[in-house]
Amino acid sequence: MKYIFSVIYWLMLFVCSTAWALPQQLPVPGGVVVLPLDSNANVPPEVTYDAQRVLVVRQDAQWLAIVGIPLASKPGTHKILVNNQGTINSVLFEIKDKSYPTQHITVTDDRKVNPYANDMKRIEAETAKINSALRHWRVSDSVPLNFVWPIEGRVSGLFGRRRVFNGEERNPHSGIDIAAATGTKIMAPADGVVSDTGNYFFNGNTVMVDHGQGLVTMFCHLDRVDVKAGQKIQQGEIIGTVGATGRVTGPHLHLGVSLNNARVEPLLFFPEREGYPSVE
């Protein structure tokens, strides 16, 4: 019976993963745009946006640039630069305005809101390490965009919300929070390489998975980490368990997606799930 359940589970995982090819488009700060490229070459053009390399994939003989839009981007006309075997052209696209609500959060440990001076040294070092992992460009001919959800659970924190901790405004929320019990197993949403793990002041126990060409998923506040930096992992493999480490109000998974070093709406990359918010 256990064997039959396992076979059914992995068949469902395969169906879900193959049915989801490209991220949903949302041309707003924190969103994603998919731009067709004018190239018939067999090798992909090199694309940049705001001096960051951009993910390029091929679908039905068409090269596509998958561009992440930083939350700080201004509405209006933006452009990517396309280097097609030495010939450089630009492709224009429009970003619309989007207003994200404010979320007020009470944290019992005020040190997680106003760190001590010696905490700041640790935070600065950790921030540099995290940013390095998110900026890293790993060449990959096949970037998996067929994401599956890492856990079941209720979305308890939405992307892009301007957060106010204990009455003090801090950075917008760079991912989504999924509430789940401590010890809940977390699956890798797609194949990749573990680019970093660590126990960070704000993020707690953290795993980052590099899926290639600037696409990185981030998992924070874990109770346990089951993978190591440099380890190759496959979709569905357990990378750790849900916890309440770092700056939290209870056990949950912070799920982040970074694309060309822009933190973007994770819901754009995952299959629609009943009861979850829309991304309009």
Protein backbone atom coordinates (compact mmCIF):
# COMPACT_ATOMS: atom_id res chain seq x y z
CA MET A 1 0.00 0.00 0.00
CA LYS A 2 2.86 2.37 0.90
CA TYR A 3 4.51 1.61 -2.45
CA ILE A 4 1.30 2.36 -4.38
CA PHE A 5 0.90 5.70 -2.57
CA SER A 6 4.50 6.62 -3.41
CA VAL A 7 4.00 5.83 -7.12
CA ILE A 8 0.78 7.90 -7.23
CA TYR A 9 2.50 10.81 -5.47
CA TRP A 10 5.40 10.95 -7.92
CA LEU A 11 3.06 10.62 -10.90
CA MET A 12 1.10 13.61 -9.59
CA LEU A 13 4.36 15.49 -9.09
CA PHE A 14 5.39 14.73 -12.68
CA VAL A 15 2.03 15.87 -14.11
CA CYS A 16 2.13 19.13 -12.14
CA SER A 17 5.72 19.85 -13.11
CA THR A 18 5.33 19.19 -16.83
CA ALA A 19 2.11 21.24 -17.03
CA TRP A 20 3.84 24.44 -15.86
CA ALA A 21 6.31 25.82 -18.40
CA LEU A 22 6.82 29.57 -17.95
CA PRO A 23 6.22 31.95 -15.05
CA GLN A 24 3.08 34.02 -15.17
CA GLN A 25 3.69 37.53 -16.48
CA LEU A 26 3.06 40.56 -14.28
CA PRO A 27 4.70 43.79 -15.55
CA VAL A 28 4.90 45.61 -12.20
CA PRO A 29 7.61 46.21 -9.58
CA GLY A 30 8.28 42.77 -8.10
CA GLY A 31 6.83 41.08 -11.18
CA VAL A 32 8.12 39.21 -14.22
CA VAL A 33 8.00 39.92 -17.96
CA VAL A 34 8.60 37.42 -20.76
CA LEU A 35 10.04 39.07 -23.87
CA PRO A 36 10.46 37.36 -27.27
CA LEU A 37 13.88 37.93 -28.83
CA ASP A 38 14.57 38.46 -32.53
CA SER A 39 17.14 35.75 -33.04
CA ASN A 40 17.31 32.63 -35.18
CA ALA A 41 20.69 31.57 -33.84
CA ASN A 42 21.20 28.17 -32.27
CA VAL A 43 23.01 29.74 -29.34
CA PRO A 44 21.07 31.99 -26.94
CA PRO A 45 21.60 35.75 -27.09
CA GLU A 46 23.18 37.36 -24.03
CA VAL A 47 20.64 39.63 -22.36
CA THR A 48 21.13 42.21 -19.59
CA TYR A 49 18.73 44.37 -17.58
CA ASP A 50 20.08 47.07 -15.27
CA ALA A 51 23.56 45.56 -15.72
CA GLN A 52 22.33 42.12 -14.55
CA ARG A 53 22.41 39.00 -16.76
CA VAL A 54 18.92 37.76 -17.66
CA LEU A 55 17.57 34.23 -17.97
CA VAL A 56 17.06 33.17 -21.60
CA VAL A 57 15.14 30.04 -22.60
CA ARG A 58 13.98 28.56 -25.88
CA GLN A 59 10.39 27.54 -26.49
CA ASP A 60 8.97 26.43 -29.86
CA ALA A 61 12.08 27.69 -31.73
CA GLN A 62 11.72 31.13 -30.07
CA TRP A 63 14.27 32.60 -27.66
CA LEU A 64 12.62 34.27 -24.68
CA ALA A 65 14.05 36.57 -22.02
CA ILE A 66 12.54 35.99 -18.55
CA VAL A 67 13.08 39.28 -16.70
CA GLY A 68 12.62 39.90 -12.98
CA ILE A 69 11.57 43.45 -12.04
CA PRO A 70 12.98 44.81 -8.75
CA LEU A 71 10.48 46.13 -6.21
CA ALA A 72 12.20 49.53 -6.34
CA SER A 73 11.62 49.93 -10.10
CA LYS A 74 9.67 52.96 -11.30
CA PRO A 75 6.65 52.66 -13.63
CA GLY A 76 7.30 53.56 -17.26
CA THR A 77 9.39 52.36 -20.19
CA HIS A 78 12.30 50.03 -19.45
CA LYS A 79 14.66 48.15 -21.74
CA ILE A 80 16.82 45.08 -21.97
CA LEU A 81 20.01 44.92 -24.02
CA VAL A 82 20.35 41.94 -26.34
CA ASN A 83 23.79 40.87 -27.57
CA ASN A 84 23.18 38.60 -30.55
CA GLN A 85 26.58 37.33 -31.68
CA GLY A 86 28.14 40.79 -31.34
CA THR A 87 25.17 42.81 -32.54
CA ILE A 88 23.57 44.72 -29.67
CA ASN A 89 19.94 45.83 -29.77
CA SER A 90 17.45 46.97 -27.17
CA VAL A 91 13.94 45.70 -26.46
CA LEU A 92 11.54 48.08 -24.73
CA PHE A 93 8.80 47.08 -22.31
CA GLU A 94 6.42 48.87 -19.96
CA ILE A 95 6.16 48.55 -16.20
CA LYS A 96 2.85 49.50 -14.59
CA ASP A 97 2.44 50.92 -11.11
CA LYS A 98 1.45 48.68 -8.22
CA SER A 99 0.70 49.70 -4.66
CA TYR A 100 1.49 47.13 -1.99
CA PRO A 101 -0.36 47.30 1.34
CA THR A 102 1.34 47.85 4.69
CA GLN A 103 1.60 45.02 7.22
CA HIS A 104 2.03 45.75 10.94
CA ILE A 105 3.88 43.03 12.89
CA THR A 106 4.62 42.73 16.60
CA VAL A 107 7.86 40.96 17.48
CA THR A 108 8.45 40.10 21.15
CA ASP A 109 12.24 40.18 20.79
CA ASP A 110 12.90 43.88 20.12
CA ARG A 111 16.53 43.02 19.34
CA LYS A 112 15.26 41.54 16.06
CA VAL A 113 13.90 45.00 15.21
CA ASN A 114 16.65 47.16 16.69
CA PRO A 115 19.83 45.02 16.68
CA TYR A 116 22.73 45.78 18.99
CA ALA A 117 25.93 47.28 17.59
CA ASN A 118 27.72 43.92 17.61
CA ASP A 119 24.68 42.36 15.87
CA MET A 120 25.09 44.83 13.00
CA LYS A 121 28.57 43.47 12.20
CA ARG A 122 27.08 40.00 11.91
CA ILE A 123 24.14 41.27 9.84
CA GLU A 124 26.42 43.14 7.40
CA ALA A 125 28.56 40.04 6.85
CA GLU A 126 25.50 37.84 6.36
CA THR A 127 23.90 40.33 3.96
CA ALA A 128 27.06 40.36 1.82
CA LYS A 129 27.10 36.54 1.73
CA ILE A 130 23.42 36.30 0.80
CA ASN A 131 23.72 39.00 -1.89
CA SER A 132 26.71 37.20 -3.40
CA ALA A 133 24.71 33.98 -3.69
CA LEU A 134 21.76 35.81 -5.27
CA ARG A 135 23.97 37.65 -7.79
CA HIS A 136 25.86 34.52 -8.83
CA TRP A 137 25.44 33.48 -12.47
CA ARG A 138 25.60 29.74 -13.07
CA VAL A 139 25.62 28.75 -16.73
CA SER A 140 22.90 26.21 -17.51
CA ASP A 141 21.49 25.09 -20.85
CA SER A 142 18.30 23.83 -19.25
CA VAL A 143 16.76 25.93 -16.48
CA PRO A 144 13.79 24.20 -14.78
CA LEU A 145 10.70 26.41 -14.66
CA ASN A 146 8.35 23.55 -13.76
CA PHE A 147 8.16 24.41 -10.06
CA VAL A 148 6.19 22.41 -7.50
CA TRP A 149 5.15 23.71 -4.09
CA PRO A 150 7.67 22.93 -1.33
CA ILE A 151 5.01 22.42 1.38
CA GLU A 152 1.28 22.48 2.00
CA GLY A 153 -0.01 25.31 4.17
CA ARG A 154 -1.82 28.62 4.46
CA VAL A 155 -0.22 31.78 3.06
CA SER A 156 0.28 33.95 6.14
CA GLY A 157 2.44 36.69 4.64
CA LEU A 158 2.25 38.15 1.13
CA PHE A 159 5.01 39.39 -1.13
CA GLY A 160 5.83 43.09 -1.41
CA ARG A 161 4.01 44.20 1.74
CA ARG A 162 5.61 47.21 3.39
CA ARG A 163 6.36 45.90 6.85
CA VAL A 164 6.22 47.81 10.11
CA PHE A 165 7.83 45.95 13.01
CA ASN A 166 6.88 47.22 16.47
CA GLY A 167 5.91 50.56 14.92
CA GLU A 168 9.12 50.92 12.86
CA GLU A 169 9.11 50.64 9.07
CA ARG A 170 11.49 48.14 7.53
CA ASN A 171 12.17 46.66 4.06
CA PRO A 172 9.25 45.27 2.02
CA HIS A 173 8.58 41.55 2.30
CA SER A 174 10.75 39.81 -0.30
CA GLY A 175 8.83 36.52 -0.43
CA ILE A 176 5.71 34.80 0.83
CA ASP A 177 5.19 33.10 4.19
CA ILE A 178 3.49 29.71 4.37
CA ALA A 179 2.31 28.68 7.84
CA ALA A 180 3.04 25.08 8.79
CA ALA A 181 3.93 23.06 11.85
CA THR A 182 7.52 22.83 13.03
CA GLY A 183 9.13 19.77 11.48
CA THR A 184 7.10 19.85 8.25
CA LYS A 185 9.35 18.55 5.46
CA ILE A 186 10.29 21.04 2.71
CA MET A 187 10.75 19.80 -0.87
CA ALA A 188 12.97 21.36 -3.51
CA PRO A 189 10.63 23.00 -6.06
CA ALA A 190 12.92 22.13 -8.98
CA ASP A 191 16.33 20.69 -9.81
CA GLY A 192 19.31 22.80 -8.83
CA VAL A 193 22.47 23.24 -6.79
CA VAL A 194 22.50 24.38 -3.16
CA SER A 195 24.34 27.70 -3.39
CA ASP A 196 24.33 28.54 0.32
CA THR A 197 23.11 27.50 3.73
CA GLY A 198 23.46 29.25 7.06
CA ASN A 199 21.97 30.40 10.33
CA TYR A 200 21.29 34.11 9.87
CA PHE A 201 20.23 36.83 12.32
CA PHE A 202 16.96 37.72 10.58
CA ASN A 203 16.39 34.73 8.27
CA GLY A 204 17.27 32.00 10.75
CA ASN A 205 18.28 28.65 9.26
CA THR A 206 18.33 29.22 5.51
CA VAL A 207 18.80 27.29 2.26
CA MET A 208 19.30 28.85 -1.18
CA VAL A 209 18.95 26.75 -4.33
CA ASP A 210 20.50 27.93 -7.60
CA HIS A 211 18.44 26.69 -10.58
CA GLY A 212 20.73 28.29 -13.17
CA GLN A 213 21.00 31.58 -15.07
CA GLY A 214 20.23 33.80 -12.09
CA LEU A 215 17.12 31.95 -10.88
CA VAL A 216 17.38 31.22 -7.14
CA THR A 217 14.85 30.03 -4.56
CA MET A 218 15.29 30.86 -0.89
CA PHE A 219 13.90 29.05 2.17
CA CYS A 220 14.15 30.74 5.57
CA HIS A 221 13.36 30.16 9.29
CA LEU A 222 13.99 26.41 9.02
CA ASP A 223 14.14 24.17 12.05
CA ARG A 224 16.57 21.79 10.36
CA VAL A 225 18.74 21.98 7.23
CA ASP A 226 19.28 18.68 5.43
CA VAL A 227 21.53 19.79 2.54
CA LYS A 228 24.99 21.32 2.11
CA ALA A 229 26.38 24.08 -0.09
CA GLY A 230 27.46 22.70 -3.47
CA GLN A 231 25.08 19.74 -3.29
CA LYS A 232 23.08 18.89 -6.42
CA ILE A 233 19.42 18.27 -5.66
CA GLN A 234 16.42 17.08 -7.62
CA GLN A 235 12.83 18.29 -7.61
CA GLY A 236 10.97 16.85 -4.64
CA GLU A 237 14.11 16.13 -2.60
CA ILE A 238 13.86 17.13 1.09
CA ILE A 239 16.05 20.15 1.85
CA GLY A 240 15.01 20.71 5.48
CA THR A 241 12.05 21.24 7.80
CA VAL A 242 9.84 24.17 8.78
CA GLY A 243 10.81 26.02 11.95
CA ALA A 244 10.70 29.34 13.80
CA THR A 245 14.31 30.54 13.70
CA GLY A 246 15.36 34.14 13.10
CA ARG A 247 12.85 37.02 13.18
CA VAL A 248 9.48 35.26 13.38
CA THR A 249 6.20 35.30 15.27
CA GLY A 250 5.61 31.57 14.81
CA PRO A 251 6.63 28.54 12.71
CA HIS A 252 6.40 29.10 8.98
CA LEU A 253 8.37 28.88 5.74
CA HIS A 254 9.56 32.07 4.08
CA LEU A 255 9.68 31.22 0.37
CA GLY A 256 11.55 33.66 -1.88
CA VAL A 257 12.36 33.75 -5.58
CA SER A 258 15.20 35.84 -7.02
CA LEU A 259 15.54 36.39 -10.77
CA ASN A 260 18.44 38.42 -12.23
CA ASN A 261 19.09 39.55 -8.64
CA ALA A 262 15.55 40.93 -8.29
CA ARG A 263 13.28 39.57 -5.58
CA VAL A 264 10.01 38.76 -7.37
CA GLU A 265 6.53 37.46 -6.57
CA PRO A 266 6.91 33.70 -5.88
CA LEU A 267 3.29 32.99 -6.83
CA LEU A 268 4.19 33.71 -10.47
CA PHE A 269 6.35 30.57 -10.60
CA PHE A 270 4.08 28.02 -8.96
CA PRO A 271 0.86 26.33 -10.10
CA GLU A 272 -2.32 28.02 -8.92
CA ARG A 273 -3.55 26.60 -5.65
CA GLU A 274 -7.09 26.77 -4.29
CA GLY A 275 -7.41 29.30 -1.47
CA TYR A 276 -4.20 31.12 -2.38
CA PRO A 277 -4.26 34.83 -3.34
CA SER A 278 -4.19 35.98 -6.94
CA VAL A 279 -1.31 38.04 -8.33
CA GLU A 280 -3.26 40.66 -10.27
